Amino acid sequence: MSEKISKEALFNEIKGSLFEFLVARRLASLNHQELQFLQSIDQNYLKVLGQQDQLVRQYYPEMIHFLSSSAAAVVEKMMKHFGEIPASPKLKGKLTQSSSGADFSEADLMVEVSGRLLPISLKLNKAHSFVNTKSGGIKSFFSHYFAFISPSFQENFNQFVDQEFNRLALDLHALNDWDFPGDFSFWVQSGKSELPGELDEKERDCLKAFYARIASRMHEILTSAFLKDHQSFLEALAPLMGFSHPDLIQVICYHQFKSQGEASVEIHSLNEIRPIGSETYIKDFRQTSSVELVVGEIDLQIRVKPMNKFTTTAIKINCSLKPRRSLS
């Protein structure tokens, strides 16, 4: 079991970077630009990729074929989608010098299509699961992404989060028949875990209830924003869906690694999934840790999660999407 967990950890840690590299290298090879591509990568990062490749070959050799075949499927789909082989691939964020002055923070890869520079967001995702698109701190979420609403919403929400966090701490200490000292110091000193997955059932239910109360208040604020300024609300959803830049192209490879099934690739732009007023609505709240929206043919999930340890107010908001049908 421990070996299996170690393999999964290794897989999740390095699959993304190797996958991006393999996709870009395959595009470069088809364009006879492999030397230029390799020279464009920071040499230190190239060494890291080499070390990751060696680790995979030594401890998880079955991943090599999986990553290679997934990269090949992506490149084939991109060629079909664009009607040509995207040229001059460059790994975004792995270069010594940026190839563009524009801010393409969500891009993993830059390519040229018909002479035009395009940012590509590459995602390797389990089949039938949500795709993570955005993650941000809970105490700036509304002010950053829904700036059209009053700042008081964020301020009042932050106070609510602090109050509910204090309530969580009191409840967890009460479950263990302890007095609450004002923080989790005694909790830690007593050897109790700070990781959500290591709590017992009652403690976990208490934590889930805390996240549900936070999500419920988020549902109220988002509904208010939706009713206040429908158009501004729709425009605010684009960055949450992974489209902070209108030129970005999302390329998602849905894999079935464990079952050895074939990968499927979805490619879409903002115009293809742009929120439409009559097709966008917020679902009724279901007492979970997330707020769920329907955006045309997309399910958008806005979820409350701990950064790592639940014993601090460092809580994040994770946004993820899942198409209800093939969009490409």
C-alpha atoms as a PDB file:
ATOM      1  CA  MET A   1       0.000   0.000   0.000  1.00  0.00           C
ATOM      2  CA  SER A   2       2.803   2.431   0.940  1.00  0.00           C
ATOM      3  CA  GLU A   3       4.551   1.677  -2.356  1.00  0.00           C
ATOM      4  CA  LYS A   4       1.332   2.434  -4.228  1.00  0.00           C
ATOM      5  CA  ILE A   5       0.921   5.730  -2.381  1.00  0.00           C
ATOM      6  CA  SER A   6       4.530   6.664  -3.181  1.00  0.00           C
ATOM      7  CA  LYS A   7       3.958   5.932  -6.859  1.00  0.00           C
ATOM      8  CA  GLU A   8       0.822   8.084  -6.896  1.00  0.00           C
ATOM      9  CA  ALA A   9       2.691  10.936  -5.215  1.00  0.00           C
ATOM     10  CA  LEU A  10       5.489  10.681  -7.776  1.00  0.00           C
ATOM     11  CA  PHE A  11       2.980  10.590 -10.612  1.00  0.00           C
ATOM     12  CA  ASN A  12       1.120  13.685  -9.419  1.00  0.00           C
ATOM     13  CA  GLU A  13       4.304  15.611  -8.724  1.00  0.00           C
ATOM     14  CA  ILE A  14       6.057  15.345 -12.053  1.00  0.00           C
ATOM     15  CA  LYS A  15       3.515  14.216 -14.655  1.00  0.00           C
ATOM     16  CA  GLY A  16       2.523  17.783 -15.556  1.00  0.00           C
ATOM     17  CA  SER A  17       5.979  19.137 -16.313  1.00  0.00           C
ATOM     18  CA  LEU A  18       7.052  16.063 -18.316  1.00  0.00           C
ATOM     19  CA  PHE A  19       3.770  16.088 -20.221  1.00  0.00           C
ATOM     20  CA  GLU A  20       4.195  19.751 -21.209  1.00  0.00           C
ATOM     21  CA  PHE A  21       7.755  19.080 -22.320  1.00  0.00           C
ATOM     22  CA  LEU A  22       6.760  16.044 -24.414  1.00  0.00           C
ATOM     23  CA  VAL A  23       3.957  17.909 -26.168  1.00  0.00           C
ATOM     24  CA  ALA A  24       6.224  20.858 -26.977  1.00  0.00           C
ATOM     25  CA  ARG A  25       9.113  18.645 -28.100  1.00  0.00           C
ATOM     26  CA  ARG A  26       6.845  16.636 -30.405  1.00  0.00           C
ATOM     27  CA  LEU A  27       5.547  19.835 -32.022  1.00  0.00           C
ATOM     28  CA  ALA A  28       9.118  21.077 -32.439  1.00  0.00           C
ATOM     29  CA  SER A  29      10.220  17.777 -33.971  1.00  0.00           C
ATOM     30  CA  LEU A  30       7.389  17.816 -36.525  1.00  0.00           C
ATOM     31  CA  ASN A  31       8.441  21.364 -37.482  1.00  0.00           C
ATOM     32  CA  HIS A  32      12.167  20.410 -37.598  1.00  0.00           C
ATOM     33  CA  GLN A  33      12.746  22.906 -34.777  1.00  0.00           C
ATOM     34  CA  GLU A  34      13.848  20.566 -31.995  1.00  0.00           C
ATOM     35  CA  LEU A  35      17.291  22.137 -31.531  1.00  0.00           C
ATOM     36  CA  GLN A  36      15.809  25.641 -31.258  1.00  0.00           C
ATOM     37  CA  PHE A  37      13.218  24.372 -28.803  1.00  0.00           C
ATOM     38  CA  LEU A  38      15.775  22.716 -26.508  1.00  0.00           C
ATOM     39  CA  GLN A  39      17.995  25.804 -26.629  1.00  0.00           C
ATOM     40  CA  SER A  40      15.041  27.974 -25.571  1.00  0.00           C
ATOM     41  CA  ILE A  41      14.701  26.134 -22.248  1.00  0.00           C
ATOM     42  CA  ASP A  42      16.609  27.289 -19.197  1.00  0.00           C
ATOM     43  CA  GLN A  43      19.465  24.800 -18.721  1.00  0.00           C
ATOM     44  CA  ASN A  44      18.733  24.358 -15.023  1.00  0.00           C
ATOM     45  CA  TYR A  45      15.139  23.443 -15.797  1.00  0.00           C
ATOM     46  CA  LEU A  46      16.332  21.069 -18.520  1.00  0.00           C
ATOM     47  CA  LYS A  47      18.416  19.265 -15.884  1.00  0.00           C
ATOM     48  CA  VAL A  48      15.357  19.008 -13.621  1.00  0.00           C
ATOM     49  CA  LEU A  49      13.352  17.473 -16.457  1.00  0.00           C
ATOM     50  CA  GLY A  50      16.152  14.977 -17.059  1.00  0.00           C
ATOM     51  CA  GLN A  51      16.168  13.997 -13.385  1.00  0.00           C
ATOM     52  CA  GLN A  52      12.396  13.597 -13.401  1.00  0.00           C
ATOM     53  CA  ASP A  53      12.599  11.405 -16.459  1.00  0.00           C
ATOM     54  CA  GLN A  54      15.192   9.172 -14.783  1.00  0.00           C
ATOM     55  CA  LEU A  55      13.032   8.840 -11.660  1.00  0.00           C
ATOM     56  CA  VAL A  56      10.035   7.810 -13.705  1.00  0.00           C
ATOM     57  CA  ARG A  57      12.006   5.242 -15.713  1.00  0.00           C
ATOM     58  CA  GLN A  58      13.415   3.769 -12.513  1.00  0.00           C
ATOM     59  CA  TYR A  59      10.377   3.722 -10.231  1.00  0.00           C
ATOM     60  CA  TYR A  60       7.350   4.069 -12.493  1.00  0.00           C
ATOM     61  CA  PRO A  61       8.301   2.852 -15.998  1.00  0.00           C
ATOM     62  CA  GLU A  62       4.688   2.337 -17.112  1.00  0.00           C
ATOM     63  CA  MET A  63       4.215   6.107 -16.925  1.00  0.00           C
ATOM     64  CA  ILE A  64       6.675   6.669 -19.782  1.00  0.00           C
ATOM     65  CA  HIS A  65       4.440   5.099 -22.411  1.00  0.00           C
ATOM     66  CA  PHE A  66       1.383   6.771 -20.909  1.00  0.00           C
ATOM     67  CA  LEU A  67       2.896  10.266 -21.073  1.00  0.00           C
ATOM     68  CA  SER A  68       4.277   9.723 -24.579  1.00  0.00           C
ATOM     69  CA  SER A  69       0.992   8.413 -25.978  1.00  0.00           C
ATOM     70  CA  SER A  70      -0.967  11.205 -24.248  1.00  0.00           C
ATOM     71  CA  ALA A  71       1.370  13.831 -25.711  1.00  0.00           C
ATOM     72  CA  ALA A  72       0.986  12.262 -29.164  1.00  0.00           C
ATOM     73  CA  ALA A  73      -2.819  12.345 -28.830  1.00  0.00           C
ATOM     74  CA  VAL A  74      -2.700  16.024 -27.871  1.00  0.00           C
ATOM     75  CA  VAL A  75      -0.451  16.973 -30.785  1.00  0.00           C
ATOM     76  CA  GLU A  76      -2.648  15.077 -33.246  1.00  0.00           C
ATOM     77  CA  LYS A  77      -5.746  16.859 -31.922  1.00  0.00           C
ATOM     78  CA  MET A  78      -4.034  20.257 -32.065  1.00  0.00           C
ATOM     79  CA  MET A  79      -3.031  19.689 -35.695  1.00  0.00           C
ATOM     80  CA  LYS A  80      -6.601  18.763 -36.557  1.00  0.00           C
ATOM     81  CA  HIS A  81      -8.045  21.690 -34.612  1.00  0.00           C
ATOM     82  CA  PHE A  82      -5.767  24.347 -36.134  1.00  0.00           C
ATOM     83  CA  GLY A  83      -5.478  22.784 -39.585  1.00  0.00           C
ATOM     84  CA  GLU A  84      -1.673  22.942 -39.376  1.00  0.00           C
ATOM     85  CA  ILE A  85       1.217  21.985 -37.119  1.00  0.00           C
ATOM     86  CA  PRO A  86       1.594  24.677 -34.443  1.00  0.00           C
ATOM     87  CA  ALA A  87       5.148  25.989 -34.763  1.00  0.00           C
ATOM     88  CA  SER A  88       7.899  27.488 -32.585  1.00  0.00           C
ATOM     89  CA  PRO A  89       6.758  25.878 -29.308  1.00  0.00           C
ATOM     90  CA  LYS A  90       8.159  27.375 -26.124  1.00  0.00           C
ATOM     91  CA  LEU A  91       7.518  26.315 -22.560  1.00  0.00           C
ATOM     92  CA  LYS A  92       5.997  29.265 -20.728  1.00  0.00           C
ATOM     93  CA  GLY A  93       7.703  30.211 -17.508  1.00  0.00           C
ATOM     94  CA  LYS A  94      10.655  27.897 -18.192  1.00  0.00           C
ATOM     95  CA  LEU A  95      12.608  30.339 -20.347  1.00  0.00           C
ATOM     96  CA  THR A  96      15.443  32.691 -19.507  1.00  0.00           C
ATOM     97  CA  GLN A  97      13.649  35.391 -21.460  1.00  0.00           C
ATOM     98  CA  SER A  98       9.936  35.825 -22.104  1.00  0.00           C
ATOM     99  CA  SER A  99       8.922  35.548 -25.747  1.00  0.00           C
ATOM    100  CA  SER A 100       6.109  38.036 -25.337  1.00  0.00           C
ATOM    101  CA  GLY A 101       5.401  41.187 -23.368  1.00  0.00           C
ATOM    102  CA  ALA A 102       1.815  40.105 -22.799  1.00  0.00           C
ATOM    103  CA  ASP A 103       0.712  38.505 -19.546  1.00  0.00           C
ATOM    104  CA  PHE A 104      -0.121  34.896 -20.300  1.00  0.00           C
ATOM    105  CA  SER A 105       0.067  33.685 -16.715  1.00  0.00           C
ATOM    106  CA  GLU A 106      -2.204  30.683 -17.312  1.00  0.00           C
ATOM    107  CA  ALA A 107      -0.314  29.464 -20.369  1.00  0.00           C
ATOM    108  CA  ASP A 108       1.965  26.444 -20.203  1.00  0.00           C
ATOM    109  CA  LEU A 109       3.050  26.655 -23.812  1.00  0.00           C
ATOM    110  CA  MET A 110       3.344  29.306 -26.537  1.00  0.00           C
ATOM    111  CA  VAL A 111       2.979  28.351 -30.189  1.00  0.00           C
ATOM    112  CA  GLU A 112       2.626  30.071 -33.552  1.00  0.00           C
ATOM    113  CA  VAL A 113      -0.421  29.331 -35.702  1.00  0.00           C
ATOM    114  CA  SER A 114      -0.698  31.071 -39.098  1.00  0.00           C
ATOM    115  CA  GLY A 115       1.944  33.528 -37.919  1.00  0.00           C
ATOM    116  CA  ARG A 116      -0.003  34.390 -34.769  1.00  0.00           C
ATOM    117  CA  LEU A 117       1.332  33.785 -31.253  1.00  0.00           C
ATOM    118  CA  LEU A 118      -1.103  31.723 -29.186  1.00  0.00           C
ATOM    119  CA  PRO A 119      -0.958  30.860 -25.461  1.00  0.00           C
ATOM    120  CA  ILE A 120      -1.873  27.240 -24.705  1.00  0.00           C
ATOM    121  CA  SER A 121      -3.047  25.932 -21.347  1.00  0.00           C
ATOM    122  CA  LEU A 122      -2.195  22.205 -21.167  1.00  0.00           C
ATOM    123  CA  LYS A 123      -3.994  20.009 -18.668  1.00  0.00           C
ATOM    124  CA  LEU A 124      -3.633  16.285 -18.040  1.00  0.00           C
ATOM    125  CA  ASN A 125      -6.778  15.225 -16.222  1.00  0.00           C
ATOM    126  CA  LYS A 126      -8.497  12.060 -15.052  1.00  0.00           C
ATOM    127  CA  ALA A 127     -11.440  11.106 -17.263  1.00  0.00           C
ATOM    128  CA  HIS A 128     -14.878  12.252 -16.080  1.00  0.00           C
ATOM    129  CA  SER A 129     -13.449  14.508 -13.367  1.00  0.00           C
ATOM    130  CA  PHE A 130     -13.399  18.271 -12.884  1.00  0.00           C
ATOM    131  CA  VAL A 131     -10.477  20.255 -14.324  1.00  0.00           C
ATOM    132  CA  ASN A 132      -8.828  22.742 -11.952  1.00  0.00           C
ATOM    133  CA  THR A 133      -8.745  26.199 -13.510  1.00  0.00           C
ATOM    134  CA  LYS A 134      -8.153  28.762 -10.764  1.00  0.00           C
ATOM    135  CA  SER A 135      -7.084  28.893  -7.131  1.00  0.00           C
ATOM    136  CA  GLY A 136      -7.028  31.926  -4.886  1.00  0.00           C
ATOM    137  CA  GLY A 137      -7.085  33.077  -1.286  1.00  0.00           C
ATOM    138  CA  ILE A 138     -10.487  33.231   0.354  1.00  0.00           C
ATOM    139  CA  LYS A 139      -9.984  36.703   1.836  1.00  0.00           C
ATOM    140  CA  SER A 140      -9.496  38.424  -1.515  1.00  0.00           C
ATOM    141  CA  PHE A 141     -11.685  36.246  -3.745  1.00  0.00           C
ATOM    142  CA  PHE A 142     -14.634  38.620  -4.161  1.00  0.00           C
ATOM    143  CA  SER A 143     -12.603  41.836  -4.285  1.00  0.00           C
ATOM    144  CA  HIS A 144     -10.343  40.347  -6.968  1.00  0.00           C
ATOM    145  CA  TYR A 145     -12.792  38.491  -9.222  1.00  0.00           C
ATOM    146  CA  PHE A 146     -16.037  40.353  -8.532  1.00  0.00           C
ATOM    147  CA  ALA A 147     -14.729  43.883  -8.169  1.00  0.00           C
ATOM    148  CA  PHE A 148     -18.038  45.337  -9.395  1.00  0.00           C
ATOM    149  CA  ILE A 149     -19.703  44.598  -6.044  1.00  0.00           C
ATOM    150  CA  SER A 150     -19.181  46.692  -2.925  1.00  0.00           C
ATOM    151  CA  PRO A 151     -15.911  46.104  -1.001  1.00  0.00           C
ATOM    152  CA  SER A 152     -18.082  45.647   2.085  1.00  0.00           C
ATOM    153  CA  PHE A 153     -19.063  42.185   0.831  1.00  0.00           C
ATOM    154  CA  GLN A 154     -15.445  41.018   1.085  1.00  0.00           C
ATOM    155  CA  GLU A 155     -14.898  42.780   4.398  1.00  0.00           C
ATOM    156  CA  ASN A 156     -18.017  41.284   6.006  1.00  0.00           C
ATOM    157  CA  PHE A 157     -17.237  37.883   4.518  1.00  0.00           C
ATOM    158  CA  ASN A 158     -13.721  37.937   6.015  1.00  0.00           C
ATOM    159  CA  GLN A 159     -15.171  38.669   9.447  1.00  0.00           C
ATOM    160  CA  PHE A 160     -17.606  35.790   8.963  1.00  0.00           C
ATOM    161  CA  VAL A 161     -14.750  33.429   8.038  1.00  0.00           C
ATOM    162  CA  ASP A 162     -12.834  34.386  11.195  1.00  0.00           C
ATOM    163  CA  GLN A 163     -15.922  33.874  13.361  1.00  0.00           C
ATOM    164  CA  GLU A 164     -16.656  30.489  11.829  1.00  0.00           C
ATOM    165  CA  PHE A 165     -13.026  29.427  12.160  1.00  0.00           C
ATOM    166  CA  ASN A 166     -13.186  30.234  15.870  1.00  0.00           C
ATOM    167  CA  ARG A 167     -16.397  28.216  16.100  1.00  0.00           C
ATOM    168  CA  LEU A 168     -14.675  25.278  14.367  1.00  0.00           C
ATOM    169  CA  ALA A 169     -11.794  25.409  16.822  1.00  0.00           C
ATOM    170  CA  LEU A 170     -14.193  25.470  19.792  1.00  0.00           C
ATOM    171  CA  ASP A 171     -16.209  22.541  18.398  1.00  0.00           C
ATOM    172  CA  LEU A 172     -13.132  20.400  17.723  1.00  0.00           C
ATOM    173  CA  HIS A 173     -11.715  20.990  21.200  1.00  0.00           C
ATOM    174  CA  ALA A 174     -15.119  20.240  22.744  1.00  0.00           C
ATOM    175  CA  LEU A 175     -15.254  16.936  20.879  1.00  0.00           C
ATOM    176  CA  ASN A 176     -12.050  15.973  22.706  1.00  0.00           C
ATOM    177  CA  ASP A 177     -13.258  17.365  26.067  1.00  0.00           C
ATOM    178  CA  TRP A 178     -10.593  20.065  26.043  1.00  0.00           C
ATOM    179  CA  ASP A 179     -10.801  23.724  26.976  1.00  0.00           C
ATOM    180  CA  PHE A 180     -10.047  25.987  24.017  1.00  0.00           C
ATOM    181  CA  PRO A 181      -6.859  28.030  24.673  1.00  0.00           C
ATOM    182  CA  GLY A 182      -7.515  30.477  21.817  1.00  0.00           C
ATOM    183  CA  ASP A 183      -5.595  28.654  19.093  1.00  0.00           C
ATOM    184  CA  PHE A 184      -4.589  25.154  18.034  1.00  0.00           C
ATOM    185  CA  SER A 185      -1.328  25.071  20.053  1.00  0.00           C
ATOM    186  CA  PHE A 186      -2.636  22.538  22.594  1.00  0.00           C
ATOM    187  CA  TRP A 187      -4.136  20.501  19.741  1.00  0.00           C
ATOM    188  CA  VAL A 188      -0.702  20.178  18.120  1.00  0.00           C
ATOM    189  CA  GLN A 189       1.125  19.582  21.425  1.00  0.00           C
ATOM    190  CA  SER A 190      -1.272  16.716  22.151  1.00  0.00           C
ATOM    191  CA  GLY A 191      -0.189  14.989  18.965  1.00  0.00           C
ATOM    192  CA  LYS A 192      -3.392  15.589  17.021  1.00  0.00           C
ATOM    193  CA  SER A 193      -3.035  15.864  13.261  1.00  0.00           C
ATOM    194  CA  GLU A 194      -3.488  19.152  11.416  1.00  0.00           C
ATOM    195  CA  LEU A 195      -4.342  17.368   8.155  1.00  0.00           C
ATOM    196  CA  PRO A 196      -8.039  16.959   7.249  1.00  0.00           C
ATOM    197  CA  GLY A 197      -7.617  13.398   6.018  1.00  0.00           C
ATOM    198  CA  GLU A 198      -6.246  12.242   9.369  1.00  0.00           C
ATOM    199  CA  LEU A 199      -9.182  13.349  11.533  1.00  0.00           C
ATOM    200  CA  ASP A 200     -11.610  10.851  12.993  1.00  0.00           C
ATOM    201  CA  GLU A 201     -15.176  10.682  11.649  1.00  0.00           C
ATOM    202  CA  LYS A 202     -16.765  13.138  14.102  1.00  0.00           C
ATOM    203  CA  GLU A 203     -13.919  15.629  13.708  1.00  0.00           C
ATOM    204  CA  ARG A 204     -14.122  15.322   9.932  1.00  0.00           C
ATOM    205  CA  ASP A 205     -17.875  15.958  10.003  1.00  0.00           C
ATOM    206  CA  CYS A 206     -17.224  19.052  12.098  1.00  0.00           C
ATOM    207  CA  LEU A 207     -14.702  20.327   9.556  1.00  0.00           C
ATOM    208  CA  LYS A 208     -17.051  19.583   6.657  1.00  0.00           C
ATOM    209  CA  ALA A 209     -19.801  21.554   8.388  1.00  0.00           C
ATOM    210  CA  PHE A 210     -17.401  24.500   8.729  1.00  0.00           C
ATOM    211  CA  TYR A 211     -16.607  24.485   5.022  1.00  0.00           C
ATOM    212  CA  ALA A 212     -20.307  24.143   4.192  1.00  0.00           C
ATOM    213  CA  ARG A 213     -21.148  27.240   6.268  1.00  0.00           C
ATOM    214  CA  ILE A 214     -18.456  29.196   4.406  1.00  0.00           C
ATOM    215  CA  ALA A 215     -19.744  27.932   1.047  1.00  0.00           C
ATOM    216  CA  SER A 216     -23.305  28.818   2.017  1.00  0.00           C
ATOM    217  CA  ARG A 217     -22.307  32.442   2.644  1.00  0.00           C
ATOM    218  CA  MET A 218     -20.415  32.460  -0.660  1.00  0.00           C
ATOM    219  CA  HIS A 219     -23.574  31.199  -2.369  1.00  0.00           C
ATOM    220  CA  GLU A 220     -25.502  34.137  -0.901  1.00  0.00           C
ATOM    221  CA  ILE A 221     -22.908  36.688  -2.051  1.00  0.00           C
ATOM    222  CA  LEU A 222     -22.615  35.211  -5.548  1.00  0.00           C
ATOM    223  CA  THR A 223     -26.405  35.145  -5.920  1.00  0.00           C
ATOM    224  CA  SER A 224     -26.549  38.783  -4.862  1.00  0.00           C
ATOM    225  CA  ALA A 225     -23.835  39.683  -7.394  1.00  0.00           C
ATOM    226  CA  PHE A 226     -25.640  37.701 -10.105  1.00  0.00           C
ATOM    227  CA  LEU A 227     -28.871  39.648  -9.500  1.00  0.00           C
ATOM    228  CA  LYS A 228     -27.133  43.015  -9.079  1.00  0.00           C
ATOM    229  CA  ASP A 229     -25.216  43.119 -12.383  1.00  0.00           C
ATOM    230  CA  HIS A 230     -25.833  40.119 -14.591  1.00  0.00           C
ATOM    231  CA  GLN A 231     -23.443  41.142 -17.376  1.00  0.00           C
ATOM    232  CA  SER A 232     -20.556  41.977 -15.066  1.00  0.00           C
ATOM    233  CA  PHE A 233     -21.130  38.663 -13.286  1.00  0.00           C
ATOM    234  CA  LEU A 234     -20.871  36.755 -16.576  1.00  0.00           C
ATOM    235  CA  GLU A 235     -17.650  38.562 -17.487  1.00  0.00           C
ATOM    236  CA  ALA A 236     -16.195  37.711 -14.057  1.00  0.00           C
ATOM    237  CA  LEU A 237     -16.659  33.991 -14.713  1.00  0.00           C
ATOM    238  CA  ALA A 238     -14.144  33.850 -17.590  1.00  0.00           C
ATOM    239  CA  PRO A 239     -11.012  34.054 -15.354  1.00  0.00           C
ATOM    240  CA  LEU A 240     -12.540  31.502 -12.963  1.00  0.00           C
ATOM    241  CA  MET A 241     -12.883  29.140 -15.916  1.00  0.00           C
ATOM    242  CA  GLY A 242      -9.190  29.572 -16.756  1.00  0.00           C
ATOM    243  CA  PHE A 243      -9.494  32.334 -19.359  1.00  0.00           C
ATOM    244  CA  SER A 244      -7.831  35.408 -17.869  1.00  0.00           C
ATOM    245  CA  HIS A 245      -6.615  36.234 -21.396  1.00  0.00           C
ATOM    246  CA  PRO A 246      -9.119  36.125 -24.289  1.00  0.00           C
ATOM    247  CA  ASP A 247      -6.586  34.536 -26.685  1.00  0.00           C
ATOM    248  CA  LEU A 248      -5.871  31.554 -24.444  1.00  0.00           C
ATOM    249  CA  ILE A 249      -6.603  28.085 -25.821  1.00  0.00           C
ATOM    250  CA  GLN A 250      -7.367  25.290 -23.348  1.00  0.00           C
ATOM    251  CA  VAL A 251      -6.122  21.835 -24.305  1.00  0.00           C
ATOM    252  CA  ILE A 252      -7.343  19.144 -21.911  1.00  0.00           C
ATOM    253  CA  CYS A 253      -6.214  15.535 -22.173  1.00  0.00           C
ATOM    254  CA  TYR A 254      -8.612  13.276 -20.272  1.00  0.00           C
ATOM    255  CA  HIS A 255      -6.774  10.070 -19.395  1.00  0.00           C
ATOM    256  CA  GLN A 256      -7.676   6.632 -18.058  1.00  0.00           C
ATOM    257  CA  PHE A 257      -4.218   5.729 -16.814  1.00  0.00           C
ATOM    258  CA  LYS A 258      -5.261   3.084 -14.281  1.00  0.00           C
ATOM    259  CA  SER A 259      -7.624   1.257 -16.645  1.00  0.00           C
ATOM    260  CA  GLN A 260      -5.242   1.674 -19.607  1.00  0.00           C
ATOM    261  CA  GLY A 261      -8.039   3.227 -21.660  1.00  0.00           C
ATOM    262  CA  GLU A 262      -7.438   5.623 -24.527  1.00  0.00           C
ATOM    263  CA  ALA A 263      -7.060   9.327 -23.819  1.00  0.00           C
ATOM    264  CA  SER A 264      -9.498  11.862 -25.233  1.00  0.00           C
ATOM    265  CA  VAL A 265      -8.554  15.460 -25.959  1.00  0.00           C
ATOM    266  CA  GLU A 266     -10.745  18.570 -25.754  1.00  0.00           C
ATOM    267  CA  ILE A 267      -9.675  21.919 -27.220  1.00  0.00           C
ATOM    268  CA  HIS A 268     -11.660  25.093 -26.768  1.00  0.00           C
ATOM    269  CA  SER A 269     -11.318  28.851 -26.660  1.00  0.00           C
ATOM    270  CA  LEU A 270     -13.185  31.406 -24.587  1.00  0.00           C
ATOM    271  CA  ASN A 271     -15.508  32.184 -27.503  1.00  0.00           C
ATOM    272  CA  GLU A 272     -16.604  28.549 -27.611  1.00  0.00           C
ATOM    273  CA  ILE A 273     -17.609  28.424 -23.952  1.00  0.00           C
ATOM    274  CA  ARG A 274     -18.226  32.122 -23.269  1.00  0.00           C
ATOM    275  CA  PRO A 275     -20.947  32.533 -20.660  1.00  0.00           C
ATOM    276  CA  ILE A 276     -24.368  33.300 -22.151  1.00  0.00           C
ATOM    277  CA  GLY A 277     -26.912  35.037 -19.953  1.00  0.00           C
ATOM    278  CA  SER A 278     -29.911  32.793 -20.477  1.00  0.00           C
ATOM    279  CA  GLU A 279     -27.763  29.651 -20.128  1.00  0.00           C
ATOM    280  CA  THR A 280     -26.013  30.620 -16.902  1.00  0.00           C
ATOM    281  CA  TYR A 281     -27.402  30.137 -13.413  1.00  0.00           C
ATOM    282  CA  ILE A 282     -26.355  29.261  -9.870  1.00  0.00           C
ATOM    283  CA  LYS A 283     -27.580  25.912  -8.623  1.00  0.00           C
ATOM    284  CA  ASP A 284     -29.409  25.614  -5.308  1.00  0.00           C
ATOM    285  CA  PHE A 285     -27.037  25.170  -2.395  1.00  0.00           C
ATOM    286  CA  ARG A 286     -26.694  21.554  -1.262  1.00  0.00           C
ATOM    287  CA  GLN A 287     -24.916  21.919   2.096  1.00  0.00           C
ATOM    288  CA  THR A 288     -21.521  20.973   0.690  1.00  0.00           C
ATOM    289  CA  SER A 289     -18.183  22.783   0.545  1.00  0.00           C
ATOM    290  CA  SER A 290     -18.847  24.162  -2.940  1.00  0.00           C
ATOM    291  CA  VAL A 291     -21.029  26.502  -4.954  1.00  0.00           C
ATOM    292  CA  GLU A 292     -22.041  25.059  -8.311  1.00  0.00           C
ATOM    293  CA  LEU A 293     -22.956  26.978 -11.449  1.00  0.00           C
ATOM    294  CA  VAL A 294     -24.168  25.987 -14.879  1.00  0.00           C
ATOM    295  CA  VAL A 295     -22.481  28.019 -17.610  1.00  0.00           C
ATOM    296  CA  GLY A 296     -23.913  26.891 -20.928  1.00  0.00           C
ATOM    297  CA  GLU A 297     -22.536  23.377 -21.479  1.00  0.00           C
ATOM    298  CA  ILE A 298     -20.080  23.720 -18.573  1.00  0.00           C
ATOM    299  CA  ASP A 299     -20.452  22.845 -14.898  1.00  0.00           C
ATOM    300  CA  LEU A 300     -18.378  25.310 -12.842  1.00  0.00           C
ATOM    301  CA  GLN A 301     -17.537  24.409  -9.250  1.00  0.00           C
ATOM    302  CA  ILE A 302     -16.272  26.982  -6.714  1.00  0.00           C
ATOM    303  CA  ARG A 303     -14.986  25.021  -3.726  1.00  0.00           C
ATOM    304  CA  VAL A 304     -13.676  25.880  -0.260  1.00  0.00           C
ATOM    305  CA  LYS A 305     -10.475  24.000   0.630  1.00  0.00           C
ATOM    306  CA  PRO A 306      -7.648  24.280   3.164  1.00  0.00           C
ATOM    307  CA  MET A 307      -4.265  25.334   1.835  1.00  0.00           C
ATOM    308  CA  ASN A 308      -2.831  22.287   3.595  1.00  0.00           C
ATOM    309  CA  LYS A 309      -3.445  22.326   7.332  1.00  0.00           C
ATOM    310  CA  PHE A 310      -6.960  23.111   8.560  1.00  0.00           C
ATOM    311  CA  THR A 311      -5.632  24.753  11.741  1.00  0.00           C
ATOM    312  CA  THR A 312      -5.125  28.171  10.113  1.00  0.00           C
ATOM    313  CA  THR A 313      -7.408  30.587   8.261  1.00  0.00           C
ATOM    314  CA  ALA A 314      -5.233  30.141   5.156  1.00  0.00           C
ATOM    315  CA  ILE A 315      -8.178  28.805   3.177  1.00  0.00           C
ATOM    316  CA  LYS A 316      -8.285  28.746  -0.600  1.00  0.00           C
ATOM    317  CA  ILE A 317     -11.022  28.833  -3.193  1.00  0.00           C
ATOM    318  CA  ASN A 318     -10.568  26.247  -5.951  1.00  0.00           C
ATOM    319  CA  CYS A 319     -12.407  26.679  -9.230  1.00  0.00           C
ATOM    320  CA  SER A 320     -12.863  23.783 -11.614  1.00  0.00           C
ATOM    321  CA  LEU A 321     -14.964  22.954 -14.651  1.00  0.00           C
ATOM    322  CA  LYS A 322     -16.388  19.925 -16.408  1.00  0.00           C
ATOM    323  CA  PRO A 323     -18.076  19.966 -19.815  1.00  0.00           C
ATOM    324  CA  ARG A 324     -21.353  18.048 -19.939  1.00  0.00           C
ATOM    325  CA  ARG A 325     -20.619  17.040 -23.520  1.00  0.00           C
ATOM    326  CA  SER A 326     -17.741  17.223 -25.971  1.00  0.00           C
ATOM    327  CA  LEU A 327     -17.112  20.804 -27.013  1.00  0.00           C
ATOM    328  CA  SER A 328     -14.615  20.098 -29.791  1.00  0.00           C
END
